Amino acid sequence: MKREIQKFIKERKKEINKMLKNKDFLNLSRKWLAKSVHYKYNYNYTWLGRPIIKYPDDIVVMQELFWKIKPDLVIETGIAHGGSIVFTASMLKMMNIQRFKVVGIDIDIRKHNLQEIKKSIVYRHLDLVEGSSIDIKVKEIIEKKIKKFKPKKIMVILDSNHSHKHVLEELKIYSKYVSRNSYIILPDTYIDFLPNNTFKKWKRNNNTYTALKEFLGSNNNFKIDLEVNKKSLISEAIQGYVKKIN
């Protein structure tokens, strides 16, 4: 059985490499992504009843990383409707991690969203913090929670304000909490890979990806894990899976 699985993985890797050499397919995927933004395609899905605002490919890839790392603490900036934090908590619960927390941070946790999040079957595993993710007071709250919970493996997902300045500050703050061999996940790096008029609010050269590049330019403890992204051409996290290596 092990030999068959290894054969399957080897064949899959071969096909992925062939796919990546097809520039027409890559360009088609990027064009599709840009067009999908026009129709808010990634708003079409829910997780356990809450809007998740992600492409299905990214949902699956995140699940793979949760399974690989099995974090017992995930810190996520940007809650919105709550679908993503509910997804994360449900994955960790399904993986039978006995003791875990998902800390969600948002500058505005709206009352109607909070009411629905509280109805979730995984709510007891959620810990919500209202405030700016780069506010010193919020940072102090997070540090107290980490100290109290004493997690073994921490993963971070940065999905709030996508401006260069904000994300760079988030990276400087939250990278310190990430466990070795765990990840920072940065949705919306695709802003820098799509035409400049694709988004109304966010622009190329001033976004999540540009912040990541500047961060990596002065931090040798992290690297972009290109293997994670290779298989997924429909992704908002292009080169946005960042592994802590030291």
Protein backbone atom coordinates (compact mmCIF):
# COMPACT_ATOMS: atom_id res chain seq x y z
CA MET A 1 0.00 0.00 0.00
CA LYS A 2 2.82 2.42 0.89
CA ARG A 3 4.48 1.70 -2.45
CA GLU A 4 1.25 2.49 -4.30
CA ILE A 5 0.88 5.81 -2.49
CA GLN A 6 4.48 6.74 -3.28
CA LYS A 7 3.84 5.91 -6.93
CA PHE A 8 0.71 8.06 -6.93
CA ILE A 9 2.58 11.02 -5.40
CA LYS A 10 5.43 10.66 -7.88
CA GLU A 11 3.04 10.64 -10.83
CA ARG A 12 1.15 13.61 -9.42
CA LYS A 13 4.35 15.62 -9.06
CA LYS A 14 5.26 14.82 -12.65
CA GLU A 15 1.90 16.08 -13.92
CA ILE A 16 2.12 19.23 -11.77
CA ASN A 17 5.52 20.05 -13.26
CA LYS A 18 4.15 19.50 -16.77
CA MET A 19 1.23 21.79 -15.96
CA LEU A 20 3.52 24.57 -14.74
CA LYS A 21 5.49 24.50 -17.99
CA ASN A 22 2.32 25.27 -19.91
CA LYS A 23 2.38 29.07 -20.00
CA ASP A 24 -0.95 29.22 -21.83
CA PHE A 25 -2.61 27.36 -18.98
CA LEU A 26 -0.99 29.65 -16.38
CA ASN A 27 -2.08 32.78 -18.29
CA LEU A 28 -5.59 31.38 -18.66
CA SER A 29 -5.74 30.74 -14.91
CA ARG A 30 -4.62 34.31 -14.15
CA LYS A 31 -7.19 35.71 -16.58
CA TRP A 32 -9.86 33.59 -14.94
CA LEU A 33 -8.83 34.83 -11.49
CA ALA A 34 -9.01 38.46 -12.62
CA LYS A 35 -12.46 37.91 -14.13
CA SER A 36 -13.65 36.07 -11.02
CA VAL A 37 -12.84 39.12 -8.88
CA HIS A 38 -15.28 41.15 -11.00
CA TYR A 39 -18.09 38.77 -9.94
CA LYS A 40 -16.85 38.26 -6.36
CA TYR A 41 -16.57 34.55 -7.11
CA ASN A 42 -14.86 33.75 -3.82
CA TYR A 43 -17.92 35.07 -1.97
CA ASN A 44 -19.98 32.14 -3.27
CA TYR A 45 -19.16 29.63 -0.54
CA THR A 46 -19.95 28.94 3.10
CA TRP A 47 -18.41 26.71 5.75
CA LEU A 48 -20.78 25.25 8.33
CA GLY A 49 -23.23 27.98 7.42
CA ARG A 50 -20.88 30.99 7.56
CA PRO A 51 -19.59 32.83 4.45
CA ILE A 52 -15.93 31.88 4.06
CA ILE A 53 -14.83 34.19 1.18
CA LYS A 54 -12.16 31.87 -0.24
CA TYR A 55 -11.57 29.92 -3.41
CA PRO A 56 -12.18 26.18 -2.98
CA ASP A 57 -8.56 25.45 -3.95
CA ASP A 58 -7.28 27.51 -1.03
CA ILE A 59 -9.67 25.82 1.38
CA VAL A 60 -8.24 22.43 0.42
CA VAL A 61 -4.61 23.60 0.56
CA MET A 62 -5.15 25.12 4.02
CA GLN A 63 -6.64 21.82 5.18
CA GLU A 64 -3.51 20.04 3.95
CA LEU A 65 -1.29 22.37 5.97
CA PHE A 66 -3.40 21.94 9.09
CA TRP A 67 -3.04 18.17 8.71
CA LYS A 68 0.71 18.45 8.15
CA ILE A 69 1.43 20.82 11.05
CA LYS A 70 -1.44 20.02 13.43
CA PRO A 71 -1.24 23.38 15.23
CA ASP A 72 -2.93 23.74 18.59
CA LEU A 73 -3.09 27.53 18.27
CA VAL A 74 -3.99 29.43 15.11
CA ILE A 75 -3.99 33.23 15.15
CA GLU A 76 -6.03 34.79 12.36
CA THR A 77 -6.40 38.49 11.59
CA GLY A 78 -9.62 39.43 9.82
CA ILE A 79 -12.84 37.71 10.91
CA ALA A 80 -15.57 39.22 8.67
CA HIS A 81 -18.50 36.75 8.69
CA GLY A 82 -16.48 34.16 10.58
CA GLY A 83 -16.33 31.42 7.96
CA SER A 84 -12.56 31.14 7.95
CA ILE A 85 -12.10 30.85 11.72
CA VAL A 86 -14.98 28.35 11.86
CA PHE A 87 -13.30 26.38 9.07
CA THR A 88 -9.96 26.35 10.89
CA ALA A 89 -11.51 25.26 14.18
CA SER A 90 -13.59 22.55 12.52
CA MET A 91 -10.51 21.14 10.78
CA LEU A 92 -8.52 20.98 14.01
CA LYS A 93 -11.46 19.37 15.79
CA MET A 94 -11.87 16.79 13.03
CA MET A 95 -8.14 16.01 13.27
CA ASN A 96 -8.78 15.08 16.89
CA ILE A 97 -6.43 17.66 18.36
CA GLN A 98 -7.54 17.42 21.96
CA ARG A 99 -6.75 20.94 23.09
CA PHE A 100 -6.65 23.86 20.67
CA LYS A 101 -7.67 27.48 20.16
CA VAL A 102 -8.33 29.69 17.16
CA VAL A 103 -7.82 33.34 18.03
CA GLY A 104 -9.59 35.69 15.62
CA ILE A 105 -8.79 39.41 15.50
CA ASP A 106 -10.90 42.05 13.75
CA ILE A 107 -11.13 45.81 14.04
CA ASP A 108 -14.95 45.56 13.89
CA ILE A 109 -16.71 42.36 14.98
CA ARG A 110 -20.21 43.17 13.88
CA LYS A 111 -23.04 42.19 16.19
CA HIS A 112 -25.01 40.16 13.64
CA ASN A 113 -21.88 38.19 12.67
CA LEU A 114 -20.98 37.55 16.30
CA GLN A 115 -24.48 36.23 17.01
CA GLU A 116 -24.13 33.67 14.21
CA ILE A 117 -20.55 32.73 15.10
CA LYS A 118 -21.69 32.00 18.67
CA LYS A 119 -24.13 29.41 17.27
CA SER A 120 -21.29 27.48 15.65
CA ILE A 121 -20.56 23.95 16.87
CA VAL A 122 -16.90 24.97 17.29
CA TYR A 123 -17.50 28.26 19.09
CA ARG A 124 -16.00 27.01 22.36
CA HIS A 125 -12.67 26.72 20.54
CA LEU A 126 -12.80 30.31 19.28
CA ASP A 127 -11.35 33.33 21.06
CA LEU A 128 -12.31 36.65 19.46
CA VAL A 129 -10.46 39.92 19.94
CA GLU A 130 -11.85 43.23 18.69
CA GLY A 131 -9.29 45.85 17.70
CA SER A 132 -6.64 46.59 15.10
CA SER A 133 -4.27 43.67 14.64
CA ILE A 134 -1.29 46.06 14.80
CA ASP A 135 -2.47 47.95 17.90
CA ILE A 136 -0.05 47.59 20.82
CA LYS A 137 -2.97 46.79 23.16
CA VAL A 138 -4.10 43.93 20.92
CA LYS A 139 -0.53 42.65 20.74
CA GLU A 140 -0.37 42.59 24.54
CA ILE A 141 -3.69 40.71 24.70
CA ILE A 142 -2.40 38.08 22.25
CA GLU A 143 0.83 37.63 24.18
CA LYS A 144 -1.12 37.09 27.40
CA LYS A 145 -3.30 34.49 25.69
CA ILE A 146 -0.27 32.65 24.36
CA LYS A 147 1.40 32.68 27.75
CA LYS A 148 -1.74 31.35 29.41
CA PHE A 149 -2.58 28.69 26.80
CA LYS A 150 1.01 27.42 26.37
CA PRO A 151 0.59 26.07 22.82
CA LYS A 152 3.01 23.60 21.25
CA LYS A 153 2.58 24.66 17.63
CA ILE A 154 1.38 28.04 16.38
CA MET A 155 0.25 28.96 12.88
CA VAL A 156 -0.70 32.48 11.72
CA ILE A 157 -3.14 33.64 9.01
CA LEU A 158 -3.00 37.33 8.05
CA ASP A 159 -6.18 38.36 6.24
CA SER A 160 -7.24 41.83 7.38
CA ASN A 161 -6.17 45.14 5.80
CA HIS A 162 -4.20 44.28 2.63
CA SER A 163 -2.14 47.47 2.33
CA HIS A 164 1.66 47.15 2.26
CA LYS A 165 2.17 49.15 5.44
CA HIS A 166 -0.41 47.25 7.48
CA VAL A 167 0.65 43.76 6.39
CA LEU A 168 4.32 44.53 6.92
CA GLU A 169 3.56 45.57 10.48
CA GLU A 170 1.48 42.40 10.99
CA LEU A 171 4.35 40.29 9.70
CA LYS A 172 6.80 41.92 12.10
CA ILE A 173 4.45 41.32 15.05
CA TYR A 174 2.96 37.88 14.39
CA SER A 175 5.96 36.16 12.80
CA LYS A 176 7.50 36.05 16.27
CA TYR A 177 4.80 33.66 17.45
CA VAL A 178 5.04 31.13 14.60
CA SER A 179 6.56 27.76 15.52
CA ARG A 180 9.50 26.34 13.60
CA ASN A 181 8.34 24.42 10.49
CA SER A 182 4.89 25.99 10.83
CA TYR A 183 3.47 28.66 8.52
CA ILE A 184 2.23 32.17 7.99
CA ILE A 185 -0.58 32.09 5.44
CA LEU A 186 -1.14 35.28 3.47
CA PRO A 187 -4.37 35.32 1.46
CA ASP A 188 -4.69 38.06 -1.18
CA THR A 189 -1.10 38.05 -2.38
CA TYR A 190 -2.70 37.60 -5.81
CA ILE A 191 -3.36 41.34 -5.86
CA ASP A 192 0.20 41.83 -7.11
CA PHE A 193 -0.09 39.14 -9.81
CA LEU A 194 -3.25 40.41 -11.52
CA PRO A 195 -3.82 43.52 -13.69
CA ASN A 196 -3.72 46.79 -11.76
CA ASN A 197 -7.38 47.60 -12.44
CA THR A 198 -8.62 44.26 -11.10
CA PHE A 199 -9.41 45.57 -7.60
CA LYS A 200 -11.15 48.77 -6.64
CA LYS A 201 -9.32 49.22 -3.34
CA TRP A 202 -6.02 47.34 -3.62
CA LYS A 203 -3.22 48.01 -6.08
CA ARG A 204 -0.09 46.34 -7.40
CA ASN A 205 3.09 47.49 -5.63
CA ASN A 206 1.10 48.26 -2.45
CA ASN A 207 -0.38 45.09 -1.04
CA THR A 208 0.11 41.86 0.88
CA TYR A 209 2.71 40.44 -1.51
CA THR A 210 4.90 43.55 -1.62
CA ALA A 211 4.86 43.61 2.18
CA LEU A 212 5.90 39.96 2.23
CA LYS A 213 8.83 40.61 -0.11
CA GLU A 214 10.09 43.46 2.06
CA PHE A 215 9.68 41.33 5.18
CA LEU A 216 11.61 38.42 3.70
CA GLY A 217 14.35 40.79 2.58
CA SER A 218 15.31 41.33 6.21
CA ASN A 219 14.22 38.07 7.84
CA ASN A 220 16.04 34.81 7.14
CA ASN A 221 13.82 32.74 9.40
CA PHE A 222 11.09 32.39 6.78
CA LYS A 223 10.83 31.37 3.15
CA ILE A 224 8.01 31.06 0.62
CA ASP A 225 7.07 27.39 0.28
CA LEU A 226 6.59 27.21 -3.49
CA GLU A 227 5.77 23.50 -3.34
CA VAL A 228 2.51 24.29 -1.54
CA ASN A 229 1.34 26.59 -4.34
CA LYS A 230 2.49 24.57 -7.34
CA LYS A 231 -0.59 22.41 -7.66
CA SER A 232 -3.10 25.24 -7.31
CA LEU A 233 -3.47 27.76 -10.14
CA ILE A 234 -6.78 29.12 -8.85
CA SER A 235 -5.55 30.75 -5.65
CA GLU A 236 -5.67 34.09 -3.91
CA ALA A 237 -2.54 33.11 -1.96
CA ILE A 238 -0.02 33.03 -4.81
CA GLN A 239 3.35 32.55 -3.09
CA GLY A 240 1.49 33.27 0.12
CA TYR A 241 2.36 30.13 2.10
CA VAL A 242 5.40 31.10 4.13
CA LYS A 243 7.30 28.52 6.19
CA LYS A 244 9.38 29.24 9.28
CA ILE A 245 12.67 27.45 8.71
CA ASN A 246 14.77 28.70 11.67
